[in-house]
Amino acid sequence: AGNILEVLATAYYAAKAGITSLGDAAKLAGILVRGFGIEADAIRPTLDGLFVAAKNGGATFAELAAGLGDLAPVAKATNTPVEQVAAAIQVMTRAGLEAPAAISQLQQILTRLAAPETVAQLRGLGIEAGGLVSTLAQISERGLSLGEIVDLGISSKRAAAGVAALTTDASALSIALGKIGDSSGALDKASE
């Protein structure tokens, strides 16, 4: 019961900071705990990171609460930390995708990057599939065309916009991830 109260207190704090409703904050915190496996005492720093991503053009807490529920188990199964998920969504939304599309396309990208046939094709190109950011950076460094990326099976033609955003400028993903990593206390500052 203590963990639940700690999660709810953190959700209340995010709502009190004026960045989201209590309902959305509680739903998002629940997704982080259940879907990503984040411990109750790590919810606040995780919300700091999500807040920084939102502030820098990523999905809002309400959009994340509405869409991360389906993505979270895929991210957890592929060992993709929530910080990388937030950074990827931020890069895709800054490139013009709506948050729901970015979340859906990222789910597809993660699923396909974990597929054995995709891993084998990447290895054939000298790319080691070792996490979302690392793999996308290697793809970007190879200068593969969008058609070649789609042919690798990383994305469908319908969802090509997301992978294009993530591989066109791989440094944007690293920069976003760095800002999320440096987000300690962001909710405190927002509530002042």
N, C-alpha and C. Protein backbone atom coordinates (compact mmCIF):
# COMPACT_ATOMS: atom_id res chain seq x y z
N ALA A 1 0.82 -1.20 0.00
CA ALA A 1 0.00 0.00 0.00
C ALA A 1 0.86 1.26 0.00
N GLY A 2 2.03 1.19 0.64
CA GLY A 2 2.92 2.36 0.69
C GLY A 2 3.39 2.77 -0.68
N ASN A 3 3.69 1.78 -1.54
CA ASN A 3 4.14 2.10 -2.89
C ASN A 3 3.05 2.80 -3.69
N ILE A 4 1.82 2.33 -3.53
CA ILE A 4 0.70 2.94 -4.25
C ILE A 4 0.53 4.39 -3.80
N LEU A 5 0.63 4.63 -2.50
CA LEU A 5 0.50 5.99 -2.00
C LEU A 5 1.63 6.88 -2.49
N GLU A 6 2.84 6.32 -2.58
CA GLU A 6 3.97 7.09 -3.08
C GLU A 6 3.77 7.47 -4.55
N VAL A 7 3.26 6.52 -5.34
CA VAL A 7 2.99 6.79 -6.76
C VAL A 7 1.91 7.85 -6.90
N LEU A 8 0.84 7.72 -6.11
CA LEU A 8 -0.24 8.70 -6.17
C LEU A 8 0.21 10.08 -5.70
N ALA A 9 1.06 10.12 -4.68
CA ALA A 9 1.58 11.41 -4.21
C ALA A 9 2.42 12.08 -5.30
N THR A 10 3.19 11.29 -6.04
CA THR A 10 3.98 11.84 -7.14
C THR A 10 3.07 12.33 -8.26
N ALA A 11 2.02 11.57 -8.55
CA ALA A 11 1.05 11.99 -9.58
C ALA A 11 0.39 13.29 -9.15
N TYR A 12 0.04 13.38 -7.88
CA TYR A 12 -0.58 14.61 -7.37
C TYR A 12 0.38 15.78 -7.54
N TYR A 13 1.65 15.56 -7.26
CA TYR A 13 2.64 16.62 -7.38
C TYR A 13 2.74 17.12 -8.82
N ALA A 14 2.72 16.20 -9.79
CA ALA A 14 2.76 16.59 -11.20
C ALA A 14 1.53 17.40 -11.57
N ALA A 15 0.37 16.99 -11.06
CA ALA A 15 -0.87 17.72 -11.34
C ALA A 15 -0.82 19.10 -10.68
N LYS A 16 -0.30 19.14 -9.47
CA LYS A 16 -0.21 20.41 -8.73
C LYS A 16 0.71 21.39 -9.44
N ALA A 17 1.72 20.88 -10.15
CA ALA A 17 2.63 21.74 -10.89
C ALA A 17 1.93 22.38 -12.09
N GLY A 18 0.73 21.91 -12.38
CA GLY A 18 -0.06 22.51 -13.45
C GLY A 18 0.25 22.00 -14.84
N ILE A 19 0.94 20.87 -14.93
CA ILE A 19 1.32 20.36 -16.25
C ILE A 19 0.36 19.30 -16.77
N THR A 20 -0.52 18.82 -15.92
CA THR A 20 -1.46 17.77 -16.33
C THR A 20 -2.56 17.66 -15.28
N SER A 21 -3.56 16.89 -15.61
CA SER A 21 -4.61 16.62 -14.62
C SER A 21 -4.16 15.50 -13.70
N LEU A 22 -4.78 15.42 -12.54
CA LEU A 22 -4.46 14.35 -11.61
C LEU A 22 -4.76 12.99 -12.25
N GLY A 23 -5.87 12.90 -12.99
CA GLY A 23 -6.23 11.64 -13.63
C GLY A 23 -5.18 11.18 -14.63
N ASP A 24 -4.71 12.11 -15.48
CA ASP A 24 -3.68 11.75 -16.46
C ASP A 24 -2.36 11.41 -15.77
N ALA A 25 -2.01 12.17 -14.74
CA ALA A 25 -0.76 11.90 -14.02
C ALA A 25 -0.81 10.54 -13.35
N ALA A 26 -1.94 10.21 -12.73
CA ALA A 26 -2.08 8.90 -12.07
C ALA A 26 -2.05 7.77 -13.09
N LYS A 27 -2.73 7.97 -14.22
CA LYS A 27 -2.73 6.93 -15.26
C LYS A 27 -1.32 6.73 -15.81
N LEU A 28 -0.61 7.82 -16.08
CA LEU A 28 0.75 7.73 -16.59
C LEU A 28 1.66 7.05 -15.57
N ALA A 29 1.54 7.43 -14.32
CA ALA A 29 2.36 6.80 -13.27
C ALA A 29 2.07 5.30 -13.19
N GLY A 30 0.80 4.93 -13.32
CA GLY A 30 0.44 3.52 -13.32
C GLY A 30 1.06 2.76 -14.48
N ILE A 31 1.07 3.37 -15.66
CA ILE A 31 1.70 2.75 -16.84
C ILE A 31 3.19 2.58 -16.60
N LEU A 32 3.81 3.56 -15.99
CA LEU A 32 5.25 3.48 -15.73
C LEU A 32 5.56 2.32 -14.78
N VAL A 33 4.72 2.14 -13.76
CA VAL A 33 4.93 1.06 -12.80
C VAL A 33 4.61 -0.29 -13.41
N ARG A 34 3.40 -0.41 -13.96
CA ARG A 34 2.97 -1.71 -14.48
C ARG A 34 3.59 -2.06 -15.82
N GLY A 35 3.65 -1.11 -16.73
CA GLY A 35 4.11 -1.41 -18.08
C GLY A 35 5.61 -1.42 -18.24
N PHE A 36 6.29 -0.46 -17.60
CA PHE A 36 7.74 -0.37 -17.73
C PHE A 36 8.48 -1.01 -16.57
N GLY A 37 7.76 -1.33 -15.49
CA GLY A 37 8.39 -1.95 -14.34
C GLY A 37 9.20 -0.99 -13.49
N ILE A 38 8.86 0.29 -13.56
CA ILE A 38 9.60 1.30 -12.79
C ILE A 38 9.14 1.24 -11.33
N GLU A 39 10.09 1.27 -10.43
CA GLU A 39 9.80 1.23 -9.01
C GLU A 39 9.17 2.54 -8.56
N ALA A 40 8.36 2.47 -7.52
CA ALA A 40 7.64 3.64 -7.03
C ALA A 40 8.56 4.81 -6.72
N ASP A 41 9.73 4.53 -6.14
CA ASP A 41 10.63 5.62 -5.77
C ASP A 41 11.35 6.24 -6.98
N ALA A 42 11.20 5.63 -8.14
CA ALA A 42 11.81 6.17 -9.36
C ALA A 42 10.79 6.89 -10.24
N ILE A 43 9.54 6.95 -9.80
CA ILE A 43 8.50 7.60 -10.62
C ILE A 43 8.77 9.10 -10.76
N ARG A 44 9.12 9.75 -9.68
CA ARG A 44 9.31 11.20 -9.75
C ARG A 44 10.44 11.58 -10.72
N PRO A 45 11.63 10.98 -10.64
CA PRO A 45 12.65 11.34 -11.62
C PRO A 45 12.26 10.96 -13.06
N THR A 46 11.47 9.89 -13.18
CA THR A 46 11.00 9.52 -14.52
C THR A 46 10.04 10.57 -15.05
N LEU A 47 9.14 11.05 -14.20
CA LEU A 47 8.23 12.12 -14.61
C LEU A 47 8.98 13.40 -14.92
N ASP A 48 10.08 13.66 -14.20
CA ASP A 48 10.94 14.81 -14.54
C ASP A 48 11.40 14.69 -15.99
N GLY A 49 11.87 13.51 -16.36
CA GLY A 49 12.35 13.29 -17.72
C GLY A 49 11.26 13.43 -18.76
N LEU A 50 10.09 12.88 -18.47
CA LEU A 50 8.96 13.00 -19.40
C LEU A 50 8.52 14.46 -19.53
N PHE A 51 8.58 15.20 -18.43
CA PHE A 51 8.24 16.62 -18.47
C PHE A 51 9.20 17.38 -19.35
N VAL A 52 10.50 17.12 -19.21
CA VAL A 52 11.51 17.80 -20.04
C VAL A 52 11.29 17.45 -21.51
N ALA A 53 10.99 16.19 -21.80
CA ALA A 53 10.72 15.79 -23.20
C ALA A 53 9.51 16.54 -23.74
N ALA A 54 8.45 16.64 -22.93
CA ALA A 54 7.24 17.36 -23.37
C ALA A 54 7.54 18.83 -23.60
N LYS A 55 8.31 19.41 -22.69
CA LYS A 55 8.66 20.83 -22.79
C LYS A 55 9.50 21.11 -24.04
N ASN A 56 10.23 20.11 -24.50
CA ASN A 56 11.08 20.26 -25.68
C ASN A 56 10.43 19.73 -26.95
N GLY A 57 9.10 19.68 -26.95
CA GLY A 57 8.39 19.31 -28.18
C GLY A 57 7.86 17.90 -28.22
N GLY A 58 8.02 17.14 -27.16
CA GLY A 58 7.52 15.77 -27.13
C GLY A 58 6.06 15.70 -26.75
N ALA A 59 5.60 14.50 -26.52
CA ALA A 59 4.20 14.26 -26.14
C ALA A 59 3.93 14.81 -24.75
N THR A 60 2.72 15.32 -24.56
CA THR A 60 2.30 15.81 -23.24
C THR A 60 2.01 14.62 -22.34
N PHE A 61 1.86 14.89 -21.05
CA PHE A 61 1.49 13.83 -20.11
C PHE A 61 0.16 13.21 -20.50
N ALA A 62 -0.79 14.04 -20.94
CA ALA A 62 -2.10 13.51 -21.35
C ALA A 62 -1.95 12.58 -22.55
N GLU A 63 -1.12 12.97 -23.53
CA GLU A 63 -0.90 12.12 -24.71
C GLU A 63 -0.18 10.83 -24.33
N LEU A 64 0.78 10.92 -23.43
CA LEU A 64 1.48 9.72 -22.98
C LEU A 64 0.54 8.80 -22.20
N ALA A 65 -0.28 9.39 -21.35
CA ALA A 65 -1.24 8.59 -20.57
C ALA A 65 -2.21 7.87 -21.50
N ALA A 66 -2.57 8.52 -22.59
CA ALA A 66 -3.51 7.92 -23.54
C ALA A 66 -2.87 6.86 -24.42
N GLY A 67 -1.56 6.97 -24.70
CA GLY A 67 -0.97 6.09 -25.69
C GLY A 67 0.11 5.13 -25.24
N LEU A 68 0.75 5.37 -24.11
CA LEU A 68 1.86 4.51 -23.70
C LEU A 68 1.46 3.14 -23.21
N GLY A 69 0.19 2.95 -22.88
CA GLY A 69 -0.25 1.67 -22.34
C GLY A 69 0.04 0.50 -23.26
N ASP A 70 -0.14 0.69 -24.57
CA ASP A 70 0.14 -0.37 -25.52
C ASP A 70 1.63 -0.49 -25.84
N LEU A 71 2.34 0.62 -25.81
CA LEU A 71 3.77 0.63 -26.12
C LEU A 71 4.62 0.08 -24.97
N ALA A 72 4.22 0.32 -23.75
CA ALA A 72 5.04 -0.03 -22.58
C ALA A 72 5.45 -1.51 -22.55
N PRO A 73 4.54 -2.47 -22.75
CA PRO A 73 4.98 -3.87 -22.70
C PRO A 73 5.98 -4.22 -23.80
N VAL A 74 5.83 -3.59 -24.96
CA VAL A 74 6.78 -3.83 -26.06
C VAL A 74 8.14 -3.27 -25.68
N ALA A 75 8.15 -2.05 -25.13
CA ALA A 75 9.41 -1.44 -24.70
C ALA A 75 10.08 -2.29 -23.62
N LYS A 76 9.30 -2.76 -22.67
CA LYS A 76 9.85 -3.59 -21.60
C LYS A 76 10.41 -4.89 -22.16
N ALA A 77 9.67 -5.51 -23.09
CA ALA A 77 10.11 -6.78 -23.68
C ALA A 77 11.38 -6.62 -24.51
N THR A 78 11.58 -5.42 -25.07
CA THR A 78 12.77 -5.17 -25.89
C THR A 78 13.87 -4.45 -25.10
N ASN A 79 13.69 -4.37 -23.79
CA ASN A 79 14.66 -3.71 -22.90
C ASN A 79 14.95 -2.27 -23.31
N THR A 80 13.91 -1.57 -23.73
CA THR A 80 14.05 -0.17 -24.12
C THR A 80 13.60 0.70 -22.96
N PRO A 81 14.51 1.42 -22.34
CA PRO A 81 14.14 2.25 -21.19
C PRO A 81 13.15 3.35 -21.57
N VAL A 82 12.36 3.76 -20.61
CA VAL A 82 11.35 4.79 -20.85
C VAL A 82 12.00 6.09 -21.31
N GLU A 83 13.22 6.35 -20.88
CA GLU A 83 13.91 7.57 -21.31
C GLU A 83 14.16 7.55 -22.82
N GLN A 84 14.53 6.38 -23.36
CA GLN A 84 14.73 6.27 -24.81
C GLN A 84 13.41 6.38 -25.55
N VAL A 85 12.35 5.82 -24.96
CA VAL A 85 11.01 5.94 -25.55
C VAL A 85 10.62 7.41 -25.63
N ALA A 86 10.79 8.13 -24.52
CA ALA A 86 10.43 9.55 -24.49
C ALA A 86 11.25 10.36 -25.48
N ALA A 87 12.54 10.08 -25.57
CA ALA A 87 13.40 10.81 -26.51
C ALA A 87 12.97 10.54 -27.95
N ALA A 88 12.66 9.28 -28.26
CA ALA A 88 12.24 8.94 -29.63
C ALA A 88 10.92 9.62 -29.98
N ILE A 89 9.98 9.59 -29.05
CA ILE A 89 8.69 10.26 -29.29
C ILE A 89 8.91 11.76 -29.48
N GLN A 90 9.79 12.35 -28.67
CA GLN A 90 10.08 13.78 -28.81
C GLN A 90 10.63 14.09 -30.20
N VAL A 91 11.59 13.31 -30.67
CA VAL A 91 12.18 13.54 -31.99
C VAL A 91 11.12 13.40 -33.08
N MET A 92 10.27 12.41 -32.96
CA MET A 92 9.24 12.19 -33.98
C MET A 92 8.20 13.31 -33.97
N THR A 93 7.79 13.77 -32.80
CA THR A 93 6.79 14.85 -32.76
C THR A 93 7.40 16.16 -33.23
N ARG A 94 8.65 16.39 -32.92
CA ARG A 94 9.31 17.61 -33.41
C ARG A 94 9.46 17.58 -34.93
N ALA A 95 9.49 16.37 -35.49
CA ALA A 95 9.60 16.24 -36.95
C ALA A 95 8.24 16.36 -37.63
N GLY A 96 7.17 16.50 -36.83
CA GLY A 96 5.86 16.75 -37.41
C GLY A 96 4.81 15.69 -37.20
N LEU A 97 5.18 14.56 -36.62
CA LEU A 97 4.18 13.53 -36.35
C LEU A 97 3.34 13.93 -35.15
N GLU A 98 2.07 13.60 -35.19
CA GLU A 98 1.22 13.78 -34.01
C GLU A 98 1.64 12.72 -32.98
N ALA A 99 1.49 13.02 -31.71
CA ALA A 99 1.92 12.11 -30.64
C ALA A 99 1.34 10.71 -30.78
N PRO A 100 0.02 10.54 -31.03
CA PRO A 100 -0.48 9.17 -31.16
C PRO A 100 0.19 8.39 -32.29
N ALA A 101 0.47 9.05 -33.41
CA ALA A 101 1.15 8.38 -34.52
C ALA A 101 2.59 8.03 -34.14
N ALA A 102 3.26 8.95 -33.46
CA ALA A 102 4.64 8.69 -33.03
C ALA A 102 4.70 7.49 -32.10
N ILE A 103 3.78 7.42 -31.15
CA ILE A 103 3.75 6.31 -30.20
C ILE A 103 3.48 5.00 -30.92
N SER A 104 2.52 5.00 -31.82
CA SER A 104 2.18 3.79 -32.58
C SER A 104 3.34 3.34 -33.47
N GLN A 105 3.97 4.29 -34.15
CA GLN A 105 5.08 3.94 -35.03
C GLN A 105 6.30 3.46 -34.23
N LEU A 106 6.53 4.04 -33.07
CA LEU A 106 7.64 3.59 -32.24
C LEU A 106 7.40 2.16 -31.78
N GLN A 107 6.17 1.84 -31.43
CA GLN A 107 5.84 0.47 -31.04
C GLN A 107 6.19 -0.49 -32.18
N GLN A 108 5.84 -0.12 -33.39
CA GLN A 108 6.14 -0.96 -34.55
C GLN A 108 7.65 -1.07 -34.77
N ILE A 109 8.36 0.04 -34.65
CA ILE A 109 9.81 0.03 -34.84
C ILE A 109 10.48 -0.88 -33.82
N LEU A 110 10.09 -0.77 -32.56
CA LEU A 110 10.67 -1.62 -31.51
C LEU A 110 10.40 -3.09 -31.78
N THR A 111 9.17 -3.39 -32.17
CA THR A 111 8.80 -4.78 -32.45
C THR A 111 9.64 -5.33 -33.60
N ARG A 112 9.78 -4.53 -34.63
CA ARG A 112 10.51 -5.00 -35.82
C ARG A 112 12.01 -5.06 -35.57
N LEU A 113 12.56 -4.14 -34.77
CA LEU A 113 13.99 -4.20 -34.46
C LEU A 113 14.34 -5.45 -33.66
N ALA A 114 13.39 -6.01 -32.95
CA ALA A 114 13.63 -7.21 -32.15
C ALA A 114 13.41 -8.50 -32.94
N ALA A 115 12.85 -8.40 -34.13
CA ALA A 115 12.57 -9.59 -34.93
C ALA A 115 13.88 -10.23 -35.39
N PRO A 116 14.00 -11.56 -35.25
CA PRO A 116 15.25 -12.24 -35.63
C PRO A 116 15.69 -11.97 -37.07
N GLU A 117 14.74 -11.91 -38.00
CA GLU A 117 15.13 -11.66 -39.39
C GLU A 117 15.69 -10.25 -39.58
N THR A 118 15.16 -9.28 -38.85
CA THR A 118 15.69 -7.91 -38.93
C THR A 118 17.07 -7.85 -38.30
N VAL A 119 17.23 -8.49 -37.15
CA VAL A 119 18.53 -8.52 -36.47
C VAL A 119 19.58 -9.14 -37.40
N ALA A 120 19.22 -10.22 -38.08
CA ALA A 120 20.15 -10.88 -39.01
C ALA A 120 20.52 -9.96 -40.17
N GLN A 121 19.53 -9.26 -40.73
CA GLN A 121 19.82 -8.34 -41.84
C GLN A 121 20.70 -7.19 -41.38
N LEU A 122 20.45 -6.68 -40.19
CA LEU A 122 21.29 -5.60 -39.66
C LEU A 122 22.72 -6.09 -39.47
N ARG A 123 22.87 -7.30 -38.91
CA ARG A 123 24.21 -7.86 -38.72
C ARG A 123 24.95 -7.98 -40.05
N GLY A 124 24.20 -8.34 -41.09
CA GLY A 124 24.79 -8.43 -42.42
C GLY A 124 25.36 -7.11 -42.91
N LEU A 125 24.84 -6.01 -42.38
CA LEU A 125 25.34 -4.67 -42.71
C LEU A 125 26.38 -4.17 -41.71
N GLY A 126 26.73 -5.04 -40.75
CA GLY A 126 27.69 -4.65 -39.72
C GLY A 126 27.07 -3.81 -38.62
N ILE A 127 25.74 -3.89 -38.48
CA ILE A 127 25.03 -3.14 -37.45
C ILE A 127 24.62 -4.10 -36.35
N GLU A 128 25.05 -3.82 -35.14
CA GLU A 128 24.68 -4.64 -34.00
C GLU A 128 23.43 -4.06 -33.34
N ALA A 129 22.37 -4.83 -33.33
CA ALA A 129 21.13 -4.40 -32.69
C ALA A 129 21.35 -4.48 -31.18
N GLY A 130 21.61 -3.33 -30.57
CA GLY A 130 21.92 -3.31 -29.15
C GLY A 130 21.20 -2.20 -28.42
N GLY A 131 19.95 -2.03 -28.70
CA GLY A 131 19.19 -0.96 -28.08
C GLY A 131 18.73 0.02 -29.13
N LEU A 132 17.65 0.69 -28.85
CA LEU A 132 17.03 1.58 -29.81
C LEU A 132 17.98 2.68 -30.28
N VAL A 133 18.53 3.46 -29.37
CA VAL A 133 19.35 4.60 -29.73
C VAL A 133 20.61 4.16 -30.47
N SER A 134 21.28 3.15 -29.97
CA SER A 134 22.50 2.65 -30.60
C SER A 134 22.22 2.11 -32.00
N THR A 135 21.18 1.33 -32.13
CA THR A 135 20.86 0.74 -33.44
C THR A 135 20.51 1.82 -34.45
N LEU A 136 19.67 2.78 -34.05
CA LEU A 136 19.28 3.85 -34.97
C LEU A 136 20.48 4.72 -35.35
N ALA A 137 21.39 4.94 -34.40
CA ALA A 137 22.59 5.73 -34.70
C ALA A 137 23.44 5.01 -35.74
N GLN A 138 23.58 3.69 -35.61
CA GLN A 138 24.36 2.93 -36.58
C GLN A 138 23.70 2.95 -37.96
N ILE A 139 22.39 2.87 -37.99
CA ILE A 139 21.67 2.93 -39.27
C ILE A 139 21.89 4.29 -39.90
N SER A 140 21.80 5.33 -39.09
CA SER A 140 22.00 6.70 -39.58
C SER A 140 23.42 6.87 -40.13
N GLU A 141 24.41 6.34 -39.41
CA GLU A 141 25.80 6.46 -39.84
C GLU A 141 26.05 5.78 -41.18
N ARG A 142 25.29 4.73 -41.47
CA ARG A 142 25.45 4.00 -42.75
C ARG A 142 24.85 4.78 -43.92
N GLY A 143 24.04 5.79 -43.62
CA GLY A 143 23.45 6.59 -44.68
C GLY A 143 22.44 5.82 -45.53
N LEU A 144 21.77 4.86 -44.92
CA LEU A 144 20.79 4.08 -45.66
C LEU A 144 19.62 4.96 -46.08
N SER A 145 19.11 4.72 -47.25
CA SER A 145 17.93 5.46 -47.70
C SER A 145 16.70 4.95 -46.96
N LEU A 146 15.65 5.72 -47.00
CA LEU A 146 14.42 5.30 -46.34
C LEU A 146 13.91 4.00 -46.95
N GLY A 147 14.02 3.85 -48.25
CA GLY A 147 13.61 2.61 -48.90
C GLY A 147 14.40 1.42 -48.40
N GLU A 148 15.72 1.60 -48.21
CA GLU A 148 16.55 0.51 -47.69
C GLU A 148 16.17 0.17 -46.25
N ILE A 149 15.84 1.18 -45.47
CA ILE A 149 15.43 0.95 -44.08
C ILE A 149 14.12 0.17 -44.06
N VAL A 150 13.18 0.55 -44.91
CA VAL A 150 11.90 -0.16 -44.99
C VAL A 150 12.15 -1.60 -45.45
N ASP A 151 13.04 -1.78 -46.41
CA ASP A 151 13.36 -3.13 -46.92
C ASP A 151 13.99 -4.01 -45.84
N LEU A 152 14.70 -3.39 -44.89
CA LEU A 152 15.26 -4.16 -43.78
C LEU A 152 14.17 -4.70 -42.85
N GLY A 153 12.98 -4.15 -42.96
CA GLY A 153 11.88 -4.59 -42.12
C GLY A 153 11.73 -3.79 -40.85
N ILE A 154 12.45 -2.69 -40.72
CA ILE A 154 12.39 -1.89 -39.50
C ILE A 154 11.09 -1.11 -39.43
N SER A 155 10.54 -0.80 -40.58
CA SER A 155 9.31 -0.02 -40.63
C SER A 155 8.53 -0.41 -41.87
N SER A 156 7.23 -0.27 -41.78
CA SER A 156 6.40 -0.45 -42.97
C SER A 156 6.41 0.88 -43.74
N LYS A 157 5.95 0.85 -44.95
CA LYS A 157 5.86 2.09 -45.73
C LYS A 157 4.92 3.07 -45.05
N ARG A 158 3.86 2.53 -44.43
CA ARG A 158 2.88 3.38 -43.77
C ARG A 158 3.47 4.10 -42.55
N ALA A 159 4.41 3.46 -41.90
CA ALA A 159 4.99 4.03 -40.69
C ALA A 159 6.40 4.56 -40.93
N ALA A 160 6.74 4.83 -42.18
CA ALA A 160 8.09 5.26 -42.52
C ALA A 160 8.46 6.62 -41.95
N ALA A 161 7.49 7.48 -41.72
CA ALA A 161 7.78 8.83 -41.22
C ALA A 161 8.51 8.77 -39.87
N GLY A 162 8.10 7.86 -39.01
CA GLY A 162 8.74 7.75 -37.70
C GLY A 162 10.19 7.34 -37.78
N VAL A 163 10.47 6.31 -38.56
CA VAL A 163 11.85 5.85 -38.68
C VAL A 163 12.69 6.88 -39.43
N ALA A 164 12.09 7.60 -40.37
CA ALA A 164 12.81 8.66 -41.07
C ALA A 164 13.23 9.75 -40.09
N ALA A 165 12.33 10.14 -39.21
CA ALA A 165 12.65 11.17 -38.21
C ALA A 165 13.78 10.71 -37.30
N LEU A 166 13.79 9.43 -36.96
CA LEU A 166 14.78 8.91 -36.01
C LEU A 166 16.14 8.64 -36.63
N THR A 167 16.19 8.45 -37.95
CA THR A 167 17.46 8.12 -38.58
C THR A 167 18.04 9.26 -39.40
N THR A 168 17.24 10.25 -39.74
CA THR A 168 17.74 11.37 -40.54
C THR A 168 18.77 12.17 -39.76
N ASP A 169 18.50 12.40 -38.50
CA ASP A 169 19.41 13.16 -37.65
C ASP A 169 19.54 12.43 -36.32
N ALA A 170 20.41 11.43 -36.31
CA ALA A 170 20.57 10.61 -35.10
C ALA A 170 21.04 11.43 -33.91
N SER A 171 21.71 12.54 -34.15
CA SER A 171 22.18 13.35 -33.03
C SER A 171 21.00 13.95 -32.27
N ALA A 172 19.88 14.20 -32.95
CA ALA A 172 18.70 14.74 -32.27
C ALA A 172 18.21 13.79 -31.19
N LEU A 173 18.28 12.50 -31.47
CA LEU A 173 17.86 11.50 -30.49
C LEU A 173 18.81 11.48 -29.30
N SER A 174 20.09 11.56 -29.56
CA SER A 174 21.08 11.59 -28.47
C SER A 174 20.95 12.86 -27.63
N ILE A 175 20.71 13.98 -28.30
CA ILE A 175 20.54 15.26 -27.57
C ILE A 175 19.30 15.20 -26.69
N ALA A 176 18.19 14.70 -27.25
CA ALA A 176 16.96 14.58 -26.47
C ALA A 176 17.17 13.67 -25.27
N LEU A 177 17.85 12.56 -25.48
CA LEU A 177 18.11 11.62 -24.39
C LEU A 177 18.99 12.27 -23.32
N GLY A 178 19.97 13.07 -23.74
CA GLY A 178 20.82 13.77 -22.79
C GLY A 178 20.04 14.75 -21.93
N LYS A 179 19.13 15.49 -22.55
CA LYS A 179 18.31 16.45 -21.79
C LYS A 179 17.39 15.73 -20.81
N ILE A 180 16.86 14.60 -21.23
CA ILE A 180 16.01 13.81 -20.32
C ILE A 180 16.85 13.31 -19.16
N GLY A 181 18.07 12.89 -19.44
CA GLY A 181 18.96 12.42 -18.39
C GLY A 181 19.36 13.51 -17.40
N ASP A 182 19.33 14.76 -17.85
CA ASP A 182 19.68 15.90 -17.00
C ASP A 182 18.45 16.60 -16.43
N SER A 183 17.37 15.86 -16.26
CA SER A 183 16.09 16.49 -15.91
C SER A 183 15.78 16.52 -14.42
N SER A 184 16.68 16.11 -13.60
CA SER A 184 16.41 16.03 -12.17
C SER A 184 15.88 17.35 -11.63
N GLY A 185 14.73 17.29 -10.97
CA GLY A 185 14.13 18.46 -10.36
C GLY A 185 13.28 19.31 -11.29
N ALA A 186 13.05 18.84 -12.51
CA ALA A 186 12.30 19.64 -13.48
C ALA A 186 10.89 19.94 -13.01
N LEU A 187 10.23 18.99 -12.37
CA LEU A 187 8.87 19.24 -11.85
C LEU A 187 8.91 20.23 -10.71
N ASP A 188 9.95 20.17 -9.88
CA ASP A 188 10.08 21.14 -8.79
C ASP A 188 10.17 22.56 -9.34
N LYS A 189 10.99 22.71 -10.38
CA LYS A 189 11.15 24.04 -10.98
C LYS A 189 9.86 24.52 -11.62
N ALA A 190 9.11 23.60 -12.22
CA ALA A 190 7.84 23.97 -12.88
C ALA A 190 6.80 24.42 -11.88
N SER A 191 6.86 23.88 -10.65
CA SER A 191 5.84 24.21 -9.68
C SER A 191 6.17 25.47 -8.87
N GLU A 192 7.34 26.02 -9.08
CA GLU A 192 7.73 27.23 -8.33
C GLU A 192 7.02 28.46 -8.86
